[in-house]
C-alpha atoms as a PDB file:
ATOM      1  CA  MET A   1     -68.484  28.321 -44.201  1.00  0.00           C
ATOM      2  CA  ASN A   2     -69.043  24.802 -45.092  1.00  0.00           C
ATOM      3  CA  LEU A   3     -70.978  21.761 -43.758  1.00  0.00           C
ATOM      4  CA  GLU A   4     -67.858  20.704 -41.547  1.00  0.00           C
ATOM      5  CA  TYR A   5     -68.000  24.065 -39.813  1.00  0.00           C
ATOM      6  CA  PHE A   6     -71.807  23.806 -39.312  1.00  0.00           C
ATOM      7  CA  SER A   7     -71.410  20.032 -37.943  1.00  0.00           C
ATOM      8  CA  GLN A   8     -68.780  21.007 -35.672  1.00  0.00           C
ATOM      9  CA  ARG A   9     -70.831  24.122 -34.208  1.00  0.00           C
ATOM     10  CA  ALA A  10     -73.833  21.915 -33.809  1.00  0.00           C
ATOM     11  CA  LEU A  11     -71.881  19.333 -31.856  1.00  0.00           C
ATOM     12  CA  ASN A  12     -70.383  21.848 -29.761  1.00  0.00           C
ATOM     13  CA  LEU A  13     -73.844  23.173 -28.964  1.00  0.00           C
ATOM     14  CA  MET A  14     -75.076  19.507 -28.344  1.00  0.00           C
ATOM     15  CA  TYR A  15     -72.158  18.870 -26.059  1.00  0.00           C
ATOM     16  CA  SER A  16     -72.760  22.066 -24.164  1.00  0.00           C
ATOM     17  CA  GLY A  17     -76.499  20.911 -23.330  1.00  0.00           C
ATOM     18  CA  VAL A  18     -77.980  23.547 -25.330  1.00  0.00           C
ATOM     19  CA  LEU A  19     -79.538  21.306 -28.078  1.00  0.00           C
ATOM     20  CA  TYR A  20     -81.851  18.456 -26.899  1.00  0.00           C
ATOM     21  CA  ARG A  21     -84.927  16.842 -28.124  1.00  0.00           C
ATOM     22  CA  GLU A  22     -86.769  19.365 -30.601  1.00  0.00           C
ATOM     23  CA  ARG A  23     -83.959  21.795 -31.008  1.00  0.00           C
ATOM     24  CA  LEU A  24     -81.655  18.865 -31.809  1.00  0.00           C
ATOM     25  CA  ALA A  25     -84.132  17.394 -34.310  1.00  0.00           C
ATOM     26  CA  GLU A  26     -84.521  21.108 -35.862  1.00  0.00           C
ATOM     27  CA  VAL A  27     -80.825  21.534 -36.010  1.00  0.00           C
ATOM     28  CA  TYR A  28     -80.259  17.797 -37.827  1.00  0.00           C
ATOM     29  CA  CYS A  29     -83.035  18.669 -40.282  1.00  0.00           C
ATOM     30  CA  ALA A  30     -81.239  21.978 -41.153  1.00  0.00           C
ATOM     31  CA  LEU A  31     -77.914  20.133 -41.418  1.00  0.00           C
ATOM     32  CA  LYS A  32     -79.335  17.517 -43.891  1.00  0.00           C
ATOM     33  CA  SER A  33     -81.270  20.201 -45.844  1.00  0.00           C
ATOM     34  CA  TYR A  34     -77.932  22.202 -46.040  1.00  0.00           C
ATOM     35  CA  GLU A  35     -76.209  19.183 -47.238  1.00  0.00           C
ATOM     36  CA  ALA A  36     -78.609  18.418 -49.801  1.00  0.00           C
ATOM     37  CA  GLY A  37     -78.294  22.336 -51.026  1.00  0.00           C
ATOM     38  CA  GLY A  38     -81.790  23.004 -49.869  1.00  0.00           C
ATOM     39  CA  ILE A  39     -80.963  25.874 -47.862  1.00  0.00           C
ATOM     40  CA  SER A  40     -78.393  28.649 -48.018  1.00  0.00           C
ATOM     41  CA  ASP A  41     -75.396  29.391 -45.527  1.00  0.00           C
ATOM     42  CA  LYS A  42     -77.470  32.293 -44.075  1.00  0.00           C
ATOM     43  CA  VAL A  43     -80.326  30.046 -43.186  1.00  0.00           C
ATOM     44  CA  MET A  44     -78.013  27.432 -41.768  1.00  0.00           C
ATOM     45  CA  GLN A  45     -76.237  29.995 -39.590  1.00  0.00           C
ATOM     46  CA  TYR A  46     -79.413  31.396 -38.455  1.00  0.00           C
ATOM     47  CA  ALA A  47     -80.530  27.943 -37.370  1.00  0.00           C
ATOM     48  CA  LEU A  48     -77.343  27.400 -35.242  1.00  0.00           C
ATOM     49  CA  ASP A  49     -77.286  31.299 -33.851  1.00  0.00           C
ATOM     50  CA  ARG A  50     -80.468  30.776 -32.599  1.00  0.00           C
ATOM     51  CA  TYR A  51     -79.655  28.355 -29.968  1.00  0.00           C
ATOM     52  CA  ASP A  52     -75.953  29.939 -29.189  1.00  0.00           C
ATOM     53  CA  PRO A  53     -76.647  30.883 -25.502  1.00  0.00           C
ATOM     54  CA  GLU A  54     -75.248  34.313 -26.042  1.00  0.00           C
ATOM     55  CA  LEU A  55     -77.378  35.163 -29.129  1.00  0.00           C
ATOM     56  CA  GLU A  56     -80.652  33.455 -28.254  1.00  0.00           C
ATOM     57  CA  PRO A  57     -82.445  36.522 -26.858  1.00  0.00           C
ATOM     58  CA  LEU A  58     -82.136  37.804 -30.478  1.00  0.00           C
ATOM     59  CA  PHE A  59     -84.264  35.149 -31.962  1.00  0.00           C
ATOM     60  CA  PRO A  60     -87.724  34.954 -30.475  1.00  0.00           C
ATOM     61  CA  PHE A  61     -89.485  33.140 -33.533  1.00  0.00           C
ATOM     62  CA  PRO A  62     -88.972  29.511 -34.697  1.00  0.00           C
ATOM     63  CA  LEU A  63     -87.178  28.399 -37.531  1.00  0.00           C
ATOM     64  CA  PHE A  64     -89.748  26.416 -39.534  1.00  0.00           C
END
């Protein structure tokens, strides 16, 4: 997976109405950290999976 994949997935979540305010800011910060090499693929995947409507019940705790 790469930055393009994660960016597209974040856009899809945003357009579907799942990402808003704090969630959008959290995902944006995670994307910027991933771009800078501060977090791994797994952490970025987790950040996006948390807000996927089908997977959200599996992630009851905040990322940061």
